[in-house]
Every structure is written in C-alpha cells, then in structure tokens.
Amino acid sequence: MNALDAVTEAVATLTDALPGLLDACTDPQATDMAELLWLIQQSRVELQAMEREVEDTCARAMLSDDVRTDTLVVERHRSTDRKAWDHDAWKHDARNKVLRALGLAGAQGVLSADGEVLDASVLWDALARLQSVHGSAAPKVTALRELGLDARDYCETSPGAWHVKVRRMADMETETEGAA
C-alpha cells in the first residue's frame, strides 16, 4: 500500500470510528475529547501544508491553465497580491460613482426630513462618514469592479499564489444531473 492509500484508508477508518471515540470520552471537563480534537487539528494542519506544496508544484509543472483528461478537469490560476492601497482615492472615486449611479451627481440640494433644503455636499459628507467607520481595510475588489473601478488604480499589485482546482469528471456529471 502506498502512502496516499494509507492516508485515505486512515481517514475512512477514523470517520467510521469517530462516533465510538466520542462516546468513549467521559472526562467531565472533556479534556479527553479536547485531546482527540487536537490530534485531528494537527493532522489537518500537516495535510494542508502538504496540499499547498503539491498544489504549488502542480501549478508550476502544468503547461497550460486548463487540462482535461478522460477522468479529470484541472484548472490553474494565479491570484493577485494587493498592498499599499490609496484608501482616500478609492473611497473618493467610489463616492462619486455611487452618487452618479443614484442620479445625484451635480445635485444642488437635498431636502431634509424637516423640509429644509440642505447643500448637496451633505450627501458627500454622509458617505465619507460612513466609509470612515470601515477603517482602512482593503476594499472588496468585486464591489469596486461593480462600480466600474479597477483595483489596480488604487494599489500596488504583484503575482500571488498559484491555485489549482481539480475535479473528477464523474463528480461533474453527478452535479449536472442533480441540477437538472
């Protein structure tokens, strides 16, 4: 038996044995259950590290981004690392886009609940105050894109980690049948 078969068999054995293992935990403070949890968590951490190494090696070895065999569909892509965001700039542009989308760009005034006409800058100030609550975390790139803004205009970008998605054809056929 090779190492991968042994891991697969060990996971299946643990899955089958888990109800009994949990029932055997009788410590009132659940320290025996905590020990079991710790062992499983440590195994997961080690498997994730191996997965990341294999994924990176696989991505670098692939000759194209999409590979199909009789049994597999393999897709490779590279994420983008973004840092050094210009938060003032993207927030400013996002406010402009939102006001424009609502037909409020160039508005001369805003009618308050009391019927008083306020300067339209109150909208800008309200949006700025709302954005300041968010802090300076990076914006959602998809949300910027939906406003017609490109994240690359507001930060430094560099190639990120490789990712490889592997699906079995049989699983895809089952998903398609279930969706129909």
C-alpha atoms as a PDB file:
ATOM      1  CA  MET A   1       0.000   0.000   0.000  1.00  0.00           C
ATOM      2  CA  ASN A   2       1.377   3.421  -0.922  1.00  0.00           C
ATOM      3  CA  ALA A   3       1.355   6.432   1.398  1.00  0.00           C
ATOM      4  CA  LEU A   4      -1.698   8.074  -0.226  1.00  0.00           C
ATOM      5  CA  ASP A   5      -3.733   4.887   0.015  1.00  0.00           C
ATOM      6  CA  ALA A   6      -2.736   4.627   3.680  1.00  0.00           C
ATOM      7  CA  VAL A   7      -3.915   8.196   4.369  1.00  0.00           C
ATOM      8  CA  THR A   8      -7.202   7.610   2.554  1.00  0.00           C
ATOM      9  CA  GLU A   9      -7.736   4.380   4.494  1.00  0.00           C
ATOM     10  CA  ALA A  10      -6.830   6.070   7.795  1.00  0.00           C
ATOM     11  CA  VAL A  11      -9.343   8.877   7.188  1.00  0.00           C
ATOM     12  CA  ALA A  12     -12.055   6.331   6.329  1.00  0.00           C
ATOM     13  CA  THR A  13     -11.213   4.322   9.449  1.00  0.00           C
ATOM     14  CA  LEU A  14     -11.319   7.449  11.628  1.00  0.00           C
ATOM     15  CA  THR A  15     -14.628   8.500  10.075  1.00  0.00           C
ATOM     16  CA  ASP A  16     -16.149   5.114  10.887  1.00  0.00           C
ATOM     17  CA  ALA A  17     -14.658   5.064  14.404  1.00  0.00           C
ATOM     18  CA  LEU A  18     -15.469   8.664  15.332  1.00  0.00           C
ATOM     19  CA  PRO A  19     -18.883   8.049  16.959  1.00  0.00           C
ATOM     20  CA  GLY A  20     -17.347   5.385  19.205  1.00  0.00           C
ATOM     21  CA  LEU A  21     -14.338   7.557  20.004  1.00  0.00           C
ATOM     22  CA  LEU A  22     -16.626  10.404  21.043  1.00  0.00           C
ATOM     23  CA  ASP A  23     -18.786   8.072  23.145  1.00  0.00           C
ATOM     24  CA  ALA A  24     -15.647   6.810  24.902  1.00  0.00           C
ATOM     25  CA  CYS A  25     -14.802  10.348  26.032  1.00  0.00           C
ATOM     26  CA  THR A  26     -16.111  10.571  29.577  1.00  0.00           C
ATOM     27  CA  ASP A  27     -13.998  13.225  31.287  1.00  0.00           C
ATOM     28  CA  PRO A  28     -16.348  15.795  32.885  1.00  0.00           C
ATOM     29  CA  GLN A  29     -14.111  18.611  31.617  1.00  0.00           C
ATOM     30  CA  ALA A  30     -13.968  16.980  28.138  1.00  0.00           C
ATOM     31  CA  THR A  31     -10.166  17.009  28.155  1.00  0.00           C
ATOM     32  CA  ASP A  32     -10.136  13.574  26.516  1.00  0.00           C
ATOM     33  CA  MET A  33     -12.362  14.946  23.740  1.00  0.00           C
ATOM     34  CA  ALA A  34     -10.119  18.010  23.503  1.00  0.00           C
ATOM     35  CA  GLU A  35      -7.119  15.711  23.046  1.00  0.00           C
ATOM     36  CA  LEU A  36      -8.927  13.946  20.193  1.00  0.00           C
ATOM     37  CA  LEU A  37      -9.789  17.319  18.662  1.00  0.00           C
ATOM     38  CA  TRP A  38      -6.172  18.479  18.977  1.00  0.00           C
ATOM     39  CA  LEU A  39      -4.892  15.348  17.203  1.00  0.00           C
ATOM     40  CA  ILE A  40      -7.351  15.816  14.348  1.00  0.00           C
ATOM     41  CA  GLN A  41      -6.496  19.525  14.057  1.00  0.00           C
ATOM     42  CA  GLN A  42      -2.766  18.795  13.958  1.00  0.00           C
ATOM     43  CA  SER A  43      -3.294  16.195  11.243  1.00  0.00           C
ATOM     44  CA  ARG A  44      -5.343  18.692   9.236  1.00  0.00           C
ATOM     45  CA  VAL A  45      -2.619  21.345   9.561  1.00  0.00           C
ATOM     46  CA  GLU A  46       0.017  18.925   8.295  1.00  0.00           C
ATOM     47  CA  LEU A  47      -2.206  17.774   5.420  1.00  0.00           C
ATOM     48  CA  GLN A  48      -2.922  21.397   4.451  1.00  0.00           C
ATOM     49  CA  ALA A  49       0.804  22.134   4.301  1.00  0.00           C
ATOM     50  CA  MET A  50       1.301  19.122   2.047  1.00  0.00           C
ATOM     51  CA  GLU A  51      -1.675  20.153  -0.079  1.00  0.00           C
ATOM     52  CA  ARG A  52      -0.220  23.647  -0.547  1.00  0.00           C
ATOM     53  CA  GLU A  53       3.163  22.209  -1.569  1.00  0.00           C
ATOM     54  CA  VAL A  54       1.616  19.771  -4.055  1.00  0.00           C
ATOM     55  CA  GLU A  55      -0.701  22.489  -5.428  1.00  0.00           C
ATOM     56  CA  ASP A  56       2.200  24.884  -5.978  1.00  0.00           C
ATOM     57  CA  THR A  57       4.368  22.197  -7.579  1.00  0.00           C
ATOM     58  CA  CYS A  58       1.472  21.052  -9.778  1.00  0.00           C
ATOM     59  CA  ALA A  59       0.733  24.618 -10.911  1.00  0.00           C
ATOM     60  CA  ARG A  60       4.361  25.203 -11.867  1.00  0.00           C
ATOM     61  CA  ALA A  61       4.530  21.882 -13.721  1.00  0.00           C
ATOM     62  CA  MET A  62       1.370  22.453 -15.787  1.00  0.00           C
ATOM     63  CA  LEU A  63       1.919  23.569 -19.374  1.00  0.00           C
ATOM     64  CA  SER A  64      -1.454  25.337 -19.673  1.00  0.00           C
ATOM     65  CA  ASP A  65      -4.162  26.739 -17.448  1.00  0.00           C
ATOM     66  CA  ASP A  66      -6.802  24.171 -18.412  1.00  0.00           C
ATOM     67  CA  VAL A  67      -6.172  20.458 -18.747  1.00  0.00           C
ATOM     68  CA  ARG A  68      -8.787  17.790 -19.396  1.00  0.00           C
ATOM     69  CA  THR A  69      -8.361  14.054 -19.323  1.00  0.00           C
ATOM     70  CA  ASP A  70     -10.916  11.271 -19.518  1.00  0.00           C
ATOM     71  CA  THR A  71     -11.343  11.487 -15.749  1.00  0.00           C
ATOM     72  CA  LEU A  72     -10.189  14.978 -14.641  1.00  0.00           C
ATOM     73  CA  VAL A  73     -10.702  18.669 -15.278  1.00  0.00           C
ATOM     74  CA  VAL A  74      -7.751  20.691 -13.949  1.00  0.00           C
ATOM     75  CA  GLU A  75      -7.813  24.483 -13.874  1.00  0.00           C
ATOM     76  CA  ARG A  76      -4.898  26.680 -12.838  1.00  0.00           C
ATOM     77  CA  HIS A  77      -4.976  30.362 -11.963  1.00  0.00           C
ATOM     78  CA  ARG A  78      -2.801  32.788 -10.104  1.00  0.00           C
ATOM     79  CA  SER A  79      -4.164  35.163  -7.502  1.00  0.00           C
ATOM     80  CA  THR A  80      -3.115  38.790  -7.213  1.00  0.00           C
ATOM     81  CA  ASP A  81      -1.498  40.211  -4.103  1.00  0.00           C
ATOM     82  CA  ARG A  82      -2.538  43.798  -3.447  1.00  0.00           C
ATOM     83  CA  LYS A  83      -0.863  46.174  -0.990  1.00  0.00           C
ATOM     84  CA  ALA A  84      -0.192  49.870  -0.362  1.00  0.00           C
ATOM     85  CA  TRP A  85      -3.790  50.867  -1.043  1.00  0.00           C
ATOM     86  CA  ASP A  86      -4.578  54.549  -1.625  1.00  0.00           C
ATOM     87  CA  HIS A  87      -7.674  54.470   0.573  1.00  0.00           C
ATOM     88  CA  ASP A  88      -8.514  58.144   0.150  1.00  0.00           C
ATOM     89  CA  ALA A  89      -8.507  57.812  -3.642  1.00  0.00           C
ATOM     90  CA  TRP A  90     -10.676  54.693  -3.937  1.00  0.00           C
ATOM     91  CA  LYS A  91     -13.141  55.988  -1.342  1.00  0.00           C
ATOM     92  CA  HIS A  92     -13.386  59.337  -3.162  1.00  0.00           C
ATOM     93  CA  ASP A  93     -13.990  57.641  -6.512  1.00  0.00           C
ATOM     94  CA  ALA A  94     -16.465  55.176  -5.004  1.00  0.00           C
ATOM     95  CA  ARG A  95     -18.483  58.059  -3.510  1.00  0.00           C
ATOM     96  CA  ASN A  96     -18.572  59.750  -6.919  1.00  0.00           C
ATOM     97  CA  LYS A  97     -19.718  56.557  -8.631  1.00  0.00           C
ATOM     98  CA  VAL A  98     -22.457  55.882  -6.070  1.00  0.00           C
ATOM     99  CA  LEU A  99     -23.820  59.426  -6.293  1.00  0.00           C
ATOM    100  CA  ARG A 100     -23.717  59.271 -10.100  1.00  0.00           C
ATOM    101  CA  ALA A 101     -25.460  55.854 -10.132  1.00  0.00           C
ATOM    102  CA  LEU A 102     -28.245  57.280  -7.960  1.00  0.00           C
ATOM    103  CA  GLY A 103     -28.642  60.295 -10.244  1.00  0.00           C
ATOM    104  CA  LEU A 104     -27.390  62.619  -7.523  1.00  0.00           C
ATOM    105  CA  ALA A 105     -24.148  63.798  -9.139  1.00  0.00           C
ATOM    106  CA  GLY A 106     -24.345  67.557  -9.554  1.00  0.00           C
ATOM    107  CA  ALA A 107     -27.364  67.859  -7.277  1.00  0.00           C
ATOM    108  CA  GLN A 108     -27.744  71.369  -5.920  1.00  0.00           C
ATOM    109  CA  GLY A 109     -29.511  70.452  -2.706  1.00  0.00           C
ATOM    110  CA  VAL A 110     -31.039  67.764  -0.563  1.00  0.00           C
ATOM    111  CA  LEU A 111     -34.409  68.022   1.099  1.00  0.00           C
ATOM    112  CA  SER A 112     -34.177  67.157   4.805  1.00  0.00           C
ATOM    113  CA  ALA A 113     -36.919  65.393   6.770  1.00  0.00           C
ATOM    114  CA  ASP A 114     -37.930  68.834   8.107  1.00  0.00           C
ATOM    115  CA  GLY A 115     -38.386  70.191   4.577  1.00  0.00           C
ATOM    116  CA  GLU A 116     -35.215  72.275   4.740  1.00  0.00           C
ATOM    117  CA  VAL A 117     -33.065  72.385   1.600  1.00  0.00           C
ATOM    118  CA  LEU A 118     -29.525  71.411   2.528  1.00  0.00           C
ATOM    119  CA  ASP A 119     -26.440  71.845   0.375  1.00  0.00           C
ATOM    120  CA  ALA A 120     -25.793  68.705  -1.698  1.00  0.00           C
ATOM    121  CA  SER A 121     -22.377  68.363  -0.053  1.00  0.00           C
ATOM    122  CA  VAL A 122     -24.249  66.777   2.865  1.00  0.00           C
ATOM    123  CA  LEU A 123     -24.535  63.605   0.739  1.00  0.00           C
ATOM    124  CA  TRP A 124     -20.783  63.572   0.166  1.00  0.00           C
ATOM    125  CA  ASP A 125     -20.138  64.114   3.876  1.00  0.00           C
ATOM    126  CA  ALA A 126     -22.599  61.360   4.842  1.00  0.00           C
ATOM    127  CA  LEU A 127     -20.895  58.864   2.551  1.00  0.00           C
ATOM    128  CA  ALA A 128     -17.436  59.906   3.786  1.00  0.00           C
ATOM    129  CA  ARG A 129     -18.515  59.432   7.419  1.00  0.00           C
ATOM    130  CA  LEU A 130     -19.936  56.029   6.588  1.00  0.00           C
ATOM    131  CA  GLN A 131     -16.716  54.991   4.857  1.00  0.00           C
ATOM    132  CA  SER A 132     -14.598  56.188   7.786  1.00  0.00           C
ATOM    133  CA  VAL A 133     -16.330  53.661  10.035  1.00  0.00           C
ATOM    134  CA  HIS A 134     -14.942  50.923   7.824  1.00  0.00           C
ATOM    135  CA  GLY A 135     -11.363  51.936   8.542  1.00  0.00           C
ATOM    136  CA  SER A 136      -8.583  51.402   6.066  1.00  0.00           C
ATOM    137  CA  ALA A 137      -9.036  47.735   5.220  1.00  0.00           C
ATOM    138  CA  ALA A 138      -8.739  46.886   1.556  1.00  0.00           C
ATOM    139  CA  PRO A 139     -11.988  47.279  -0.353  1.00  0.00           C
ATOM    140  CA  LYS A 140     -13.781  44.351  -1.954  1.00  0.00           C
ATOM    141  CA  VAL A 141     -12.342  44.154  -5.455  1.00  0.00           C
ATOM    142  CA  THR A 142     -15.613  42.794  -6.839  1.00  0.00           C
ATOM    143  CA  ALA A 143     -17.512  45.763  -5.364  1.00  0.00           C
ATOM    144  CA  LEU A 144     -15.045  48.202  -6.946  1.00  0.00           C
ATOM    145  CA  ARG A 145     -15.428  46.391 -10.260  1.00  0.00           C
ATOM    146  CA  GLU A 146     -19.233  46.699  -9.985  1.00  0.00           C
ATOM    147  CA  LEU A 147     -18.763  50.469  -9.683  1.00  0.00           C
ATOM    148  CA  GLY A 148     -16.599  50.461 -12.807  1.00  0.00           C
ATOM    149  CA  LEU A 149     -13.383  50.977 -10.818  1.00  0.00           C
ATOM    150  CA  ASP A 150     -10.208  48.945 -11.271  1.00  0.00           C
ATOM    151  CA  ALA A 151      -8.418  47.941  -8.053  1.00  0.00           C
ATOM    152  CA  ARG A 152      -5.052  48.255  -9.832  1.00  0.00           C
ATOM    153  CA  ASP A 153      -5.587  52.019  -9.964  1.00  0.00           C
ATOM    154  CA  TYR A 154      -5.503  52.213  -6.155  1.00  0.00           C
ATOM    155  CA  CYS A 155      -2.824  49.764  -5.007  1.00  0.00           C
ATOM    156  CA  GLU A 156       0.401  48.002  -5.844  1.00  0.00           C
ATOM    157  CA  THR A 157      -0.158  44.563  -7.331  1.00  0.00           C
ATOM    158  CA  SER A 158       2.096  41.573  -7.714  1.00  0.00           C
ATOM    159  CA  PRO A 159       1.545  37.963  -8.710  1.00  0.00           C
ATOM    160  CA  GLY A 160       0.154  35.929  -5.842  1.00  0.00           C
ATOM    161  CA  ALA A 161      -0.010  32.240  -5.116  1.00  0.00           C
ATOM    162  CA  TRP A 162      -0.866  29.611  -7.687  1.00  0.00           C
ATOM    163  CA  HIS A 163      -4.123  27.736  -7.275  1.00  0.00           C
ATOM    164  CA  VAL A 164      -5.165  24.503  -8.914  1.00  0.00           C
ATOM    165  CA  LYS A 165      -8.738  23.267  -8.966  1.00  0.00           C
ATOM    166  CA  VAL A 166      -9.119  19.576  -9.714  1.00  0.00           C
ATOM    167  CA  ARG A 167     -12.490  17.989 -10.401  1.00  0.00           C
ATOM    168  CA  ARG A 168     -13.349  14.460 -11.379  1.00  0.00           C
ATOM    169  CA  MET A 169     -15.499  14.116 -14.487  1.00  0.00           C
ATOM    170  CA  ALA A 170     -17.767  11.653 -12.669  1.00  0.00           C
ATOM    171  CA  ASP A 171     -18.413  14.235  -9.919  1.00  0.00           C
ATOM    172  CA  MET A 172     -19.194  16.886 -12.532  1.00  0.00           C
ATOM    173  CA  GLU A 173     -21.678  14.577 -14.272  1.00  0.00           C
ATOM    174  CA  THR A 174     -23.380  13.894 -10.915  1.00  0.00           C
ATOM    175  CA  GLU A 175     -23.594  17.668 -10.218  1.00  0.00           C
ATOM    176  CA  THR A 176     -25.089  18.249 -13.685  1.00  0.00           C
ATOM    177  CA  GLU A 177     -27.673  15.511 -13.188  1.00  0.00           C
ATOM    178  CA  GLY A 178     -28.606  16.916  -9.776  1.00  0.00           C
ATOM    179  CA  ALA A 179     -29.090  20.399 -11.232  1.00  0.00           C
ATOM    180  CA  ALA A 180     -31.410  19.164 -13.988  1.00  0.00           C
END
